[in-house]
Each structure stands twice: as C-alpha cells, then as structure tokens.
Amino acid sequence: LCIAHSITLDTLDTILDFKPAITVCQIPVINQT
C-alpha cells in the first residue's frame, strides 16, 4: 500500500500508524513566503 493523502506534519503520525509500505509527504511549496 502507498498512501497519498495531502499529508502534513499534523496528520503523518495517523497515516504511519497504518504501517503502509509507502507514504507520500511533501515540504512547503516553492513561494516567496
């Protein structure tokens, strides 16, 4: 299983509790802020 769910630091723990083989997680997008 790979889970891609617009995962954030606030939701990553919840997703990893399911122990998927792969979890998609990003860092903040490129912008001036």
PDB file of all heavy atoms in Angstrom:
ATOM      1  N   LEU A   1       0.812  -1.212   0.000  1.00  0.00           N
ATOM      2  CA  LEU A   1       0.000   0.000   0.000  1.00  0.00           C
ATOM      3  C   LEU A   1       0.848   1.267   0.000  1.00  0.00           C
ATOM      4  O   LEU A   1       1.810   1.391   0.753  1.00  0.00           O
ATOM      5  CB  LEU A   1      -0.916   0.015   1.226  1.00  0.00           C
ATOM      6  CG  LEU A   1      -1.876   1.201   1.345  1.00  0.00           C
ATOM      7  CD1 LEU A   1      -2.848   1.232   0.182  1.00  0.00           C
ATOM      8  CD2 LEU A   1      -2.627   1.133   2.670  1.00  0.00           C
ATOM      9  N   CYS A   2       0.457   2.209  -0.856  1.00  0.00           N
ATOM     10  CA  CYS A   2       1.019   3.559  -0.852  1.00  0.00           C
ATOM     11  C   CYS A   2      -0.119   4.522  -0.553  1.00  0.00           C
ATOM     12  O   CYS A   2      -1.162   4.486  -1.223  1.00  0.00           O
ATOM     13  CB  CYS A   2       1.644   3.882  -2.211  1.00  0.00           C
ATOM     14  SG  CYS A   2       2.154   5.616  -2.383  1.00  0.00           S
ATOM     15  N   ILE A   3       0.067   5.371   0.456  1.00  0.00           N
ATOM     16  CA  ILE A   3      -0.966   6.341   0.811  1.00  0.00           C
ATOM     17  C   ILE A   3      -0.493   7.744   0.445  1.00  0.00           C
ATOM     18  O   ILE A   3       0.547   8.208   0.914  1.00  0.00           O
ATOM     19  CB  ILE A   3      -1.315   6.284   2.312  1.00  0.00           C
ATOM     20  CG1 ILE A   3      -1.861   4.895   2.674  1.00  0.00           C
ATOM     21  CG2 ILE A   3      -2.343   7.352   2.663  1.00  0.00           C
ATOM     22  CD1 ILE A   3      -2.241   4.754   4.131  1.00  0.00           C
ATOM     23  N   ALA A   4      -1.282   8.402  -0.401  1.00  0.00           N
ATOM     24  CA  ALA A   4      -1.037   9.794  -0.790  1.00  0.00           C
ATOM     25  C   ALA A   4      -2.301  10.574  -0.450  1.00  0.00           C
ATOM     26  O   ALA A   4      -3.341  10.377  -1.078  1.00  0.00           O
ATOM     27  CB  ALA A   4      -0.717   9.891  -2.277  1.00  0.00           C
ATOM     28  N   HIS A   5      -2.223  11.435   0.527  1.00  0.00           N
ATOM     29  CA  HIS A   5      -3.449  11.996   1.096  1.00  0.00           C
ATOM     30  C   HIS A   5      -3.262  13.462   1.493  1.00  0.00           C
ATOM     31  O   HIS A   5      -3.826  13.898   2.503  1.00  0.00           O
ATOM     32  CB  HIS A   5      -3.833  11.163   2.316  1.00  0.00           C
ATOM     33  CG  HIS A   5      -5.300  10.902   2.449  1.00  0.00           C
ATOM     34  ND1 HIS A   5      -5.933   9.865   1.820  1.00  0.00           N
ATOM     35  CD2 HIS A   5      -6.262  11.535   3.142  1.00  0.00           C
ATOM     36  CE1 HIS A   5      -7.219   9.856   2.131  1.00  0.00           C
ATOM     37  NE2 HIS A   5      -7.441  10.872   2.935  1.00  0.00           N
ATOM     38  N   SER A   6      -2.440  14.207   0.756  1.00  0.00           N
ATOM     39  CA  SER A   6      -2.123  15.589   1.154  1.00  0.00           C
ATOM     40  C   SER A   6      -1.704  15.635   2.617  1.00  0.00           C
ATOM     41  O   SER A   6      -2.208  16.418   3.423  1.00  0.00           O
ATOM     42  CB  SER A   6      -3.315  16.514   0.899  1.00  0.00           C
ATOM     43  OG  SER A   6      -3.613  16.573  -0.469  1.00  0.00           O
ATOM     44  N   ILE A   7      -0.747  14.769   2.950  1.00  0.00           N
ATOM     45  CA  ILE A   7      -0.352  14.541   4.339  1.00  0.00           C
ATOM     46  C   ILE A   7       0.533  15.675   4.843  1.00  0.00           C
ATOM     47  O   ILE A   7       1.427  16.154   4.139  1.00  0.00           O
ATOM     48  CB  ILE A   7       0.373  13.189   4.445  1.00  0.00           C
ATOM     49  CG1 ILE A   7      -0.602  12.064   4.046  1.00  0.00           C
ATOM     50  CG2 ILE A   7       0.900  12.943   5.847  1.00  0.00           C
ATOM     51  CD1 ILE A   7       0.087  10.781   3.667  1.00  0.00           C
ATOM     52  N   THR A   8       0.279  16.104   6.067  1.00  0.00           N
ATOM     53  CA  THR A   8       1.035  17.176   6.701  1.00  0.00           C
ATOM     54  C   THR A   8       1.715  16.642   7.962  1.00  0.00           C
ATOM     55  O   THR A   8       1.499  15.503   8.373  1.00  0.00           O
ATOM     56  CB  THR A   8       0.111  18.336   7.087  1.00  0.00           C
ATOM     57  OG1 THR A   8      -0.778  17.891   8.135  1.00  0.00           O
ATOM     58  CG2 THR A   8      -0.724  18.811   5.903  1.00  0.00           C
ATOM     59  N   LEU A   9       2.512  17.491   8.603  1.00  0.00           N
ATOM     60  CA  LEU A   9       3.124  17.115   9.875  1.00  0.00           C
ATOM     61  C   LEU A   9       2.061  16.769  10.919  1.00  0.00           C
ATOM     62  O   LEU A   9       2.303  15.955  11.809  1.00  0.00           O
ATOM     63  CB  LEU A   9       4.008  18.249  10.391  1.00  0.00           C
ATOM     64  CG  LEU A   9       5.351  18.455   9.683  1.00  0.00           C
ATOM     65  CD1 LEU A   9       6.023  19.718  10.200  1.00  0.00           C
ATOM     66  CD2 LEU A   9       6.263  17.251   9.868  1.00  0.00           C
ATOM     67  N   ASP A  10       0.882  17.375  10.794  1.00  0.00           N
ATOM     68  CA  ASP A  10      -0.180  17.128  11.762  1.00  0.00           C
ATOM     69  C   ASP A  10      -0.878  15.789  11.533  1.00  0.00           C
ATOM     70  O   ASP A  10      -1.502  15.252  12.458  1.00  0.00           O
ATOM     71  CB  ASP A  10      -1.227  18.252  11.710  1.00  0.00           C
ATOM     72  CG  ASP A  10      -0.663  19.583  12.184  1.00  0.00           C
ATOM     73  OD1 ASP A  10       0.128  19.563  13.139  1.00  0.00           O
ATOM     74  OD2 ASP A  10      -1.020  20.625  11.595  1.00  0.00           O
ATOM     75  N   THR A  11      -0.806  15.250  10.324  1.00  0.00           N
ATOM     76  CA  THR A  11      -1.533  14.011  10.022  1.00  0.00           C
ATOM     77  C   THR A  11      -0.618  12.822   9.735  1.00  0.00           C
ATOM     78  O   THR A  11      -1.095  11.699   9.607  1.00  0.00           O
ATOM     79  CB  THR A  11      -2.463  14.218   8.809  1.00  0.00           C
ATOM     80  OG1 THR A  11      -1.685  14.641   7.675  1.00  0.00           O
ATOM     81  CG2 THR A  11      -3.522  15.274   9.107  1.00  0.00           C
ATOM     82  N   LEU A  12       0.686  13.049   9.643  1.00  0.00           N
ATOM     83  CA  LEU A  12       1.615  11.980   9.265  1.00  0.00           C
ATOM     84  C   LEU A  12       1.607  10.834  10.274  1.00  0.00           C
ATOM     85  O   LEU A  12       1.620   9.658   9.886  1.00  0.00           O
ATOM     86  CB  LEU A  12       3.028  12.553   9.105  1.00  0.00           C
ATOM     87  CG  LEU A  12       4.115  11.552   8.686  1.00  0.00           C
ATOM     88  CD1 LEU A  12       3.754  10.839   7.391  1.00  0.00           C
ATOM     89  CD2 LEU A  12       5.463  12.279   8.541  1.00  0.00           C
ATOM     90  N   ASP A  13       1.575  11.148  11.572  1.00  0.00           N
ATOM     91  CA  ASP A  13       1.552  10.092  12.588  1.00  0.00           C
ATOM     92  C   ASP A  13       0.347   9.171  12.391  1.00  0.00           C
ATOM     93  O   ASP A  13       0.463   7.949  12.499  1.00  0.00           O
ATOM     94  CB  ASP A  13       1.498  10.697  13.990  1.00  0.00           C
ATOM     95  CG  ASP A  13       2.884  11.004  14.539  1.00  0.00           C
ATOM     96  OD1 ASP A  13       3.733  10.090  14.534  1.00  0.00           O
ATOM     97  OD2 ASP A  13       3.117  12.147  14.960  1.00  0.00           O
ATOM     98  N   THR A  14      -0.805   9.753  12.123  1.00  0.00           N
ATOM     99  CA  THR A  14      -2.021   8.958  11.944  1.00  0.00           C
ATOM    100  C   THR A  14      -1.884   8.005  10.767  1.00  0.00           C
ATOM    101  O   THR A  14      -2.273   6.832  10.847  1.00  0.00           O
ATOM    102  CB  THR A  14      -3.238   9.881  11.733  1.00  0.00           C
ATOM    103  OG1 THR A  14      -3.390  10.727  12.869  1.00  0.00           O
ATOM    104  CG2 THR A  14      -4.513   9.073  11.531  1.00  0.00           C
ATOM    105  N   ILE A  15      -1.320   8.490   9.662  1.00  0.00           N
ATOM    106  CA  ILE A  15      -1.133   7.645   8.478  1.00  0.00           C
ATOM    107  C   ILE A  15      -0.135   6.533   8.769  1.00  0.00           C
ATOM    108  O   ILE A  15      -0.368   5.362   8.442  1.00  0.00           O
ATOM    109  CB  ILE A  15      -0.660   8.485   7.281  1.00  0.00           C
ATOM    110  CG1 ILE A  15      -1.760   9.456   6.835  1.00  0.00           C
ATOM    111  CG2 ILE A  15      -0.230   7.593   6.122  1.00  0.00           C
ATOM    112  CD1 ILE A  15      -3.001   8.784   6.304  1.00  0.00           C
ATOM    113  N   LEU A  16       0.975   6.854   9.401  1.00  0.00           N
ATOM    114  CA  LEU A  16       2.010   5.851   9.643  1.00  0.00           C
ATOM    115  C   LEU A  16       1.565   4.799  10.654  1.00  0.00           C
ATOM    116  O   LEU A  16       2.129   3.698  10.683  1.00  0.00           O
ATOM    117  CB  LEU A  16       3.307   6.520  10.093  1.00  0.00           C
ATOM    118  CG  LEU A  16       4.024   7.343   9.009  1.00  0.00           C
ATOM    119  CD1 LEU A  16       5.300   7.965   9.578  1.00  0.00           C
ATOM    120  CD2 LEU A  16       4.340   6.504   7.789  1.00  0.00           C
ATOM    121  N   ASP A  17       0.549   5.112  11.455  1.00  0.00           N
ATOM    122  CA  ASP A  17       0.000   4.100  12.357  1.00  0.00           C
ATOM    123  C   ASP A  17      -0.572   2.907  11.580  1.00  0.00           C
ATOM    124  O   ASP A  17      -0.648   1.796  12.113  1.00  0.00           O
ATOM    125  CB  ASP A  17      -1.097   4.704  13.237  1.00  0.00           C
ATOM    126  CG  ASP A  17      -0.542   5.504  14.412  1.00  0.00           C
ATOM    127  OD1 ASP A  17       0.645   5.300  14.750  1.00  0.00           O
ATOM    128  OD2 ASP A  17      -1.279   6.336  14.963  1.00  0.00           O
ATOM    129  N   PHE A  18      -0.964   3.144  10.318  1.00  0.00           N
ATOM    130  CA  PHE A  18      -1.473   2.058   9.471  1.00  0.00           C
ATOM    131  C   PHE A  18      -0.340   1.222   8.865  1.00  0.00           C
ATOM    132  O   PHE A  18      -0.585   0.204   8.242  1.00  0.00           O
ATOM    133  CB  PHE A  18      -2.347   2.622   8.348  1.00  0.00           C
ATOM    134  CG  PHE A  18      -3.647   3.199   8.816  1.00  0.00           C
ATOM    135  CD1 PHE A  18      -3.852   4.572   8.834  1.00  0.00           C
ATOM    136  CD2 PHE A  18      -4.676   2.371   9.231  1.00  0.00           C
ATOM    137  CE1 PHE A  18      -5.063   5.110   9.247  1.00  0.00           C
ATOM    138  CE2 PHE A  18      -5.892   2.894   9.655  1.00  0.00           C
ATOM    139  CZ  PHE A  18      -6.080   4.265   9.669  1.00  0.00           C
ATOM    140  N   LYS A  19       0.905   1.683   9.004  1.00  0.00           N
ATOM    141  CA  LYS A  19       2.101   0.982   8.527  1.00  0.00           C
ATOM    142  C   LYS A  19       2.090   0.688   7.026  1.00  0.00           C
ATOM    143  O   LYS A  19       2.446  -0.412   6.587  1.00  0.00           O
ATOM    144  CB  LYS A  19       2.318  -0.316   9.315  1.00  0.00           C
ATOM    145  CG  LYS A  19       2.522  -0.086  10.808  1.00  0.00           C
ATOM    146  CD  LYS A  19       2.685  -1.396  11.558  1.00  0.00           C
ATOM    147  CE  LYS A  19       3.008  -1.145  13.026  1.00  0.00           C
ATOM    148  NZ  LYS A  19       1.988  -0.338  13.716  1.00  0.00           N
ATOM    149  N   PRO A  20       1.711   1.672   6.199  1.00  0.00           N
ATOM    150  CA  PRO A  20       1.789   1.432   4.757  1.00  0.00           C
ATOM    151  C   PRO A  20       3.247   1.343   4.319  1.00  0.00           C
ATOM    152  O   PRO A  20       4.130   1.963   4.917  1.00  0.00           O
ATOM    153  CB  PRO A  20       1.113   2.670   4.161  1.00  0.00           C
ATOM    154  CG  PRO A  20       1.357   3.748   5.186  1.00  0.00           C
ATOM    155  CD  PRO A  20       1.301   3.043   6.517  1.00  0.00           C
ATOM    156  N   ALA A  21       3.485   0.586   3.258  1.00  0.00           N
ATOM    157  CA  ALA A  21       4.854   0.460   2.754  1.00  0.00           C
ATOM    158  C   ALA A  21       5.409   1.807   2.338  1.00  0.00           C
ATOM    159  O   ALA A  21       6.590   2.097   2.544  1.00  0.00           O
ATOM    160  CB  ALA A  21       4.886  -0.507   1.573  1.00  0.00           C
ATOM    161  N   ILE A  22       4.552   2.644   1.742  1.00  0.00           N
ATOM    162  CA  ILE A  22       4.980   3.944   1.211  1.00  0.00           C
ATOM    163  C   ILE A  22       3.981   5.006   1.636  1.00  0.00           C
ATOM    164  O   ILE A  22       2.770   4.801   1.557  1.00  0.00           O
ATOM    165  CB  ILE A  22       5.059   3.900  -0.336  1.00  0.00           C
ATOM    166  CG1 ILE A  22       5.998   2.788  -0.812  1.00  0.00           C
ATOM    167  CG2 ILE A  22       5.501   5.253  -0.895  1.00  0.00           C
ATOM    168  CD1 ILE A  22       5.890   2.491  -2.305  1.00  0.00           C
ATOM    169  N   THR A  23       4.492   6.142   2.076  1.00  0.00           N
ATOM    170  CA  THR A  23       3.648   7.285   2.421  1.00  0.00           C
ATOM    171  C   THR A  23       4.199   8.521   1.708  1.00  0.00           C
ATOM    172  O   THR A  23       5.388   8.807   1.783  1.00  0.00           O
ATOM    173  CB  THR A  23       3.627   7.537   3.937  1.00  0.00           C
ATOM    174  OG1 THR A  23       3.150   6.357   4.598  1.00  0.00           O
ATOM    175  CG2 THR A  23       2.715   8.699   4.284  1.00  0.00           C
ATOM    176  N   VAL A  24       3.311   9.222   1.020  1.00  0.00           N
ATOM    177  CA  VAL A  24       3.712  10.405   0.271  1.00  0.00           C
ATOM    178  C   VAL A  24       3.576  11.631   1.162  1.00  0.00           C
ATOM    179  O   VAL A  24       2.507  11.896   1.719  1.00  0.00           O
ATOM    180  CB  VAL A  24       2.849  10.590  -0.991  1.00  0.00           C
ATOM    181  CG1 VAL A  24       3.327  11.807  -1.795  1.00  0.00           C
ATOM    182  CG2 VAL A  24       2.895   9.331  -1.846  1.00  0.00           C
ATOM    183  N   CYS A  25       4.668  12.373   1.312  1.00  0.00           N
ATOM    184  CA  CYS A  25       4.651  13.559   2.150  1.00  0.00           C
ATOM    185  C   CYS A  25       5.551  14.614   1.521  1.00  0.00           C
ATOM    186  O   CYS A  25       6.649  14.305   1.048  1.00  0.00           O
ATOM    187  CB  CYS A  25       5.126  13.225   3.559  1.00  0.00           C
ATOM    188  SG  CYS A  25       4.628  14.431   4.805  1.00  0.00           S
ATOM    189  N   GLN A  26       5.074  15.853   1.513  1.00  0.00           N
ATOM    190  CA  GLN A  26       5.791  16.938   0.862  1.00  0.00           C
ATOM    191  C   GLN A  26       6.300  17.946   1.887  1.00  0.00           C
ATOM    192  O   GLN A  26       5.945  17.896   3.060  1.00  0.00           O
ATOM    193  CB  GLN A  26       4.870  17.633  -0.146  1.00  0.00           C
ATOM    194  CG  GLN A  26       4.375  16.723  -1.250  1.00  0.00           C
ATOM    195  CD  GLN A  26       3.173  17.309  -1.953  1.00  0.00           C
ATOM    196  OE1 GLN A  26       2.152  17.571  -1.345  1.00  0.00           O
ATOM    197  NE2 GLN A  26       3.299  17.504  -3.252  1.00  0.00           N
ATOM    198  N   ILE A  27       7.116  18.854   1.393  1.00  0.00           N
ATOM    199  CA  ILE A  27       7.507  20.019   2.172  1.00  0.00           C
ATOM    200  C   ILE A  27       6.783  21.221   1.571  1.00  0.00           C
ATOM    201  O   ILE A  27       6.174  21.105   0.510  1.00  0.00           O
ATOM    202  CB  ILE A  27       9.042  20.222   2.151  1.00  0.00           C
ATOM    203  CG1 ILE A  27       9.555  20.430   0.720  1.00  0.00           C
ATOM    204  CG2 ILE A  27       9.748  19.042   2.822  1.00  0.00           C
ATOM    205  CD1 ILE A  27      11.024  20.764   0.626  1.00  0.00           C
ATOM    206  N   PRO A  28       6.792  22.390   2.239  1.00  0.00           N
ATOM    207  CA  PRO A  28       6.082  23.543   1.687  1.00  0.00           C
ATOM    208  C   PRO A  28       6.515  23.854   0.260  1.00  0.00           C
ATOM    209  O   PRO A  28       7.687  23.719  -0.095  1.00  0.00           O
ATOM    210  CB  PRO A  28       6.460  24.681   2.643  1.00  0.00           C
ATOM    211  CG  PRO A  28       6.759  23.989   3.928  1.00  0.00           C
ATOM    212  CD  PRO A  28       7.398  22.682   3.543  1.00  0.00           C
ATOM    213  N   VAL A  29       5.542  24.238  -0.544  1.00  0.00           N
ATOM    214  CA  VAL A  29       5.814  24.524  -1.953  1.00  0.00           C
ATOM    215  C   VAL A  29       6.717  25.740  -2.091  1.00  0.00           C
ATOM    216  O   VAL A  29       6.884  26.533  -1.164  1.00  0.00           O
ATOM    217  CB  VAL A  29       4.504  24.761  -2.731  1.00  0.00           C
ATOM    218  CG1 VAL A  29       3.654  23.503  -2.745  1.00  0.00           C
ATOM    219  CG2 VAL A  29       3.717  25.923  -2.131  1.00  0.00           C
ATOM    220  N   ILE A  30       7.300  25.847  -3.275  1.00  0.00           N
ATOM    221  CA  ILE A  30       8.198  26.965  -3.548  1.00  0.00           C
ATOM    222  C   ILE A  30       7.391  28.249  -3.692  1.00  0.00           C
ATOM    223  O   ILE A  30       6.558  28.377  -4.592  1.00  0.00           O
ATOM    224  CB  ILE A  30       8.987  26.708  -4.849  1.00  0.00           C
ATOM    225  CG1 ILE A  30       9.765  25.393  -4.745  1.00  0.00           C
ATOM    226  CG2 ILE A  30       9.908  27.866  -5.170  1.00  0.00           C
ATOM    227  CD1 ILE A  30      10.809  25.378  -3.658  1.00  0.00           C
ATOM    228  N   ASN A  31       7.607  29.181  -2.792  1.00  0.00           N
ATOM    229  CA  ASN A  31       6.986  30.502  -2.915  1.00  0.00           C
ATOM    230  C   ASN A  31       7.796  31.505  -2.102  1.00  0.00           C
ATOM    231  O   ASN A  31       8.746  31.142  -1.418  1.00  0.00           O
ATOM    232  CB  ASN A  31       5.515  30.475  -2.467  1.00  0.00           C
ATOM    233  CG  ASN A  31       5.363  29.992  -1.036  1.00  0.00           C
ATOM    234  OD1 ASN A  31       5.983  30.518  -0.126  1.00  0.00           O
ATOM    235  ND2 ASN A  31       4.523  28.978  -0.851  1.00  0.00           N
ATOM    236  N   GLN A  32       7.398  32.742  -2.182  1.00  0.00           N
ATOM    237  CA  GLN A  32       8.189  33.798  -1.558  1.00  0.00           C
ATOM    238  C   GLN A  32       7.988  33.885  -0.052  1.00  0.00           C
ATOM    239  O   GLN A  32       8.729  34.596   0.628  1.00  0.00           O
ATOM    240  CB  GLN A  32       7.837  35.139  -2.205  1.00  0.00           C
ATOM    241  CG  GLN A  32       8.237  35.215  -3.678  1.00  0.00           C
ATOM    242  CD  GLN A  32       7.863  36.548  -4.295  1.00  0.00           C
ATOM    243  OE1 GLN A  32       7.067  37.297  -3.753  1.00  0.00           O
ATOM    244  NE2 GLN A  32       8.440  36.851  -5.455  1.00  0.00           N
ATOM    245  N   THR A  33       6.997  33.167   0.480  1.00  0.00           N
ATOM    246  CA  THR A  33       6.710  33.290   1.913  1.00  0.00           C
ATOM    247  C   THR A  33       7.393  32.212   2.743  1.00  0.00           C
ATOM    248  O   THR A  33       7.355  32.272   3.970  1.00  0.00           O
ATOM    249  CB  THR A  33       5.194  33.226   2.163  1.00  0.00           C
ATOM    250  OG1 THR A  33       4.703  31.935   1.768  1.00  0.00           O
ATOM    251  CG2 THR A  33       4.466  34.303   1.374  1.00  0.00           C
TER     252      THR A  33
END
